[in-house]
Amino acid sequence: MEGARVTAMALGGTPIDPVATYRVTTNDFLANGGDGFTRLTAGTDRATAPGFDVDALVAHLGAGAPVPPGPADRITRLDTTTP
């Protein structure tokens, strides 16, 4: 929904500390501010790999190890009146 904002986040059940440092993974488009994610451009110690993110996904899935789906309850919608 346009104008909605994330109000809380947790990592492994622990609330995200807004003053802590975290390492995140994203594609180059978003890391460079694409789709309005301009805050990601402030990241430091950035590492990039050659190729496209889909190449890394294909290599990972082709490695042979099964990849189980994530938990279905990892996102909680607070406003249930909006579809």
C-alpha atoms as a PDB file:
ATOM      1  CA  MET A   1       0.000   0.000   0.000  1.00  0.00           C
ATOM      2  CA  GLU A   2       1.420   3.374  -0.981  1.00  0.00           C
ATOM      3  CA  GLY A   3       2.566   5.418   2.015  1.00  0.00           C
ATOM      4  CA  ALA A   4       2.820   2.378   4.318  1.00  0.00           C
ATOM      5  CA  ARG A   5       5.993   2.026   6.338  1.00  0.00           C
ATOM      6  CA  VAL A   6       7.782  -0.747   8.148  1.00  0.00           C
ATOM      7  CA  THR A   7       7.336  -0.131  11.864  1.00  0.00           C
ATOM      8  CA  ALA A   8       9.366  -2.995  13.325  1.00  0.00           C
ATOM      9  CA  MET A   9      11.954  -5.525  12.177  1.00  0.00           C
ATOM     10  CA  ALA A  10      13.672  -8.461  13.827  1.00  0.00           C
ATOM     11  CA  LEU A  11      16.558 -10.743  12.915  1.00  0.00           C
ATOM     12  CA  GLY A  12      16.351 -14.224  14.370  1.00  0.00           C
ATOM     13  CA  GLY A  13      13.653 -12.982  16.765  1.00  0.00           C
ATOM     14  CA  THR A  14      15.824 -10.117  18.058  1.00  0.00           C
ATOM     15  CA  PRO A  15      14.640  -6.582  17.272  1.00  0.00           C
ATOM     16  CA  ILE A  16      16.862  -4.689  14.843  1.00  0.00           C
ATOM     17  CA  ASP A  17      18.981  -2.108  16.662  1.00  0.00           C
ATOM     18  CA  PRO A  18      18.771   1.156  14.672  1.00  0.00           C
ATOM     19  CA  VAL A  19      22.290   2.185  15.701  1.00  0.00           C
ATOM     20  CA  ALA A  20      23.959  -1.190  15.094  1.00  0.00           C
ATOM     21  CA  THR A  21      25.797  -2.160  11.923  1.00  0.00           C
ATOM     22  CA  TYR A  22      24.440  -4.996   9.786  1.00  0.00           C
ATOM     23  CA  ARG A  23      25.662  -6.638   6.605  1.00  0.00           C
ATOM     24  CA  VAL A  24      22.898  -7.005   4.046  1.00  0.00           C
ATOM     25  CA  THR A  25      22.663  -8.515   0.608  1.00  0.00           C
ATOM     26  CA  THR A  26      20.830  -6.926  -2.267  1.00  0.00           C
ATOM     27  CA  ASN A  27      21.139  -6.601  -5.986  1.00  0.00           C
ATOM     28  CA  ASP A  28      23.139  -3.809  -7.597  1.00  0.00           C
ATOM     29  CA  PHE A  29      20.020  -1.960  -8.772  1.00  0.00           C
ATOM     30  CA  LEU A  30      18.655  -1.509  -5.243  1.00  0.00           C
ATOM     31  CA  ALA A  31      22.110  -0.926  -3.727  1.00  0.00           C
ATOM     32  CA  ASN A  32      22.498   2.033  -6.073  1.00  0.00           C
ATOM     33  CA  GLY A  33      19.192   3.584  -4.977  1.00  0.00           C
ATOM     34  CA  GLY A  34      16.849   2.024  -7.514  1.00  0.00           C
ATOM     35  CA  ASP A  35      13.099   2.039  -6.821  1.00  0.00           C
ATOM     36  CA  GLY A  36      13.635   4.837  -4.312  1.00  0.00           C
ATOM     37  CA  PHE A  37      15.792   2.814  -1.888  1.00  0.00           C
ATOM     38  CA  THR A  38      18.204   5.724  -1.615  1.00  0.00           C
ATOM     39  CA  ARG A  39      19.228   4.846   1.959  1.00  0.00           C
ATOM     40  CA  LEU A  40      21.027   1.777   0.624  1.00  0.00           C
ATOM     41  CA  THR A  41      23.507   4.046  -1.182  1.00  0.00           C
ATOM     42  CA  ALA A  42      24.935   4.997   2.227  1.00  0.00           C
ATOM     43  CA  GLY A  43      26.222   1.449   2.748  1.00  0.00           C
ATOM     44  CA  THR A  44      29.922   1.073   3.419  1.00  0.00           C
ATOM     45  CA  ASP A  45      32.390  -1.712   2.653  1.00  0.00           C
ATOM     46  CA  ARG A  46      30.336  -2.659  -0.390  1.00  0.00           C
ATOM     47  CA  ALA A  47      31.300  -5.774  -2.310  1.00  0.00           C
ATOM     48  CA  THR A  48      30.138  -6.593  -5.795  1.00  0.00           C
ATOM     49  CA  ALA A  49      30.496  -9.685  -7.880  1.00  0.00           C
ATOM     50  CA  PRO A  50      30.663  -9.975 -11.638  1.00  0.00           C
ATOM     51  CA  GLY A  51      27.535 -11.038 -13.469  1.00  0.00           C
ATOM     52  CA  PHE A  52      23.917 -10.673 -12.517  1.00  0.00           C
ATOM     53  CA  ASP A  53      22.096 -11.699  -9.356  1.00  0.00           C
ATOM     54  CA  VAL A  54      20.182 -14.304 -11.335  1.00  0.00           C
ATOM     55  CA  ASP A  55      23.523 -15.952 -12.199  1.00  0.00           C
ATOM     56  CA  ALA A  56      24.277 -16.400  -8.497  1.00  0.00           C
ATOM     57  CA  LEU A  57      20.793 -17.835  -7.911  1.00  0.00           C
ATOM     58  CA  VAL A  58      21.154 -20.320 -10.757  1.00  0.00           C
ATOM     59  CA  ALA A  59      24.592 -21.393  -9.461  1.00  0.00           C
ATOM     60  CA  HIS A  60      23.235 -21.827  -5.930  1.00  0.00           C
ATOM     61  CA  LEU A  61      20.211 -23.842  -7.019  1.00  0.00           C
ATOM     62  CA  GLY A  62      22.353 -25.904  -9.368  1.00  0.00           C
ATOM     63  CA  ALA A  63      24.766 -26.862  -6.583  1.00  0.00           C
ATOM     64  CA  GLY A  64      22.569 -29.845  -5.785  1.00  0.00           C
ATOM     65  CA  ALA A  65      21.570 -29.077  -2.195  1.00  0.00           C
ATOM     66  CA  PRO A  66      17.813 -28.811  -1.615  1.00  0.00           C
ATOM     67  CA  VAL A  67      16.566 -25.319  -0.868  1.00  0.00           C
ATOM     68  CA  PRO A  68      13.569 -25.385   1.470  1.00  0.00           C
ATOM     69  CA  PRO A  69      11.032 -22.548   1.405  1.00  0.00           C
ATOM     70  CA  GLY A  70      11.152 -19.948   4.153  1.00  0.00           C
ATOM     71  CA  PRO A  71       8.580 -19.885   6.940  1.00  0.00           C
ATOM     72  CA  ALA A  72       5.095 -18.838   5.800  1.00  0.00           C
ATOM     73  CA  ASP A  73       4.569 -16.664   8.887  1.00  0.00           C
ATOM     74  CA  ARG A  74       7.655 -14.440   8.551  1.00  0.00           C
ATOM     75  CA  ILE A  75       5.612 -11.342   7.595  1.00  0.00           C
ATOM     76  CA  THR A  76       2.802 -10.023   9.772  1.00  0.00           C
ATOM     77  CA  ARG A  77       0.238  -7.621   8.333  1.00  0.00           C
ATOM     78  CA  LEU A  78      -1.148  -5.331  11.034  1.00  0.00           C
ATOM     79  CA  ASP A  79      -3.820  -3.599   8.949  1.00  0.00           C
ATOM     80  CA  THR A  80      -6.184  -6.395   7.930  1.00  0.00           C
ATOM     81  CA  THR A  81      -8.752  -4.025   6.377  1.00  0.00           C
ATOM     82  CA  THR A  82      -6.556  -3.384   3.308  1.00  0.00           C
ATOM     83  CA  PRO A  83      -6.121  -6.210   0.780  1.00  0.00           C
END
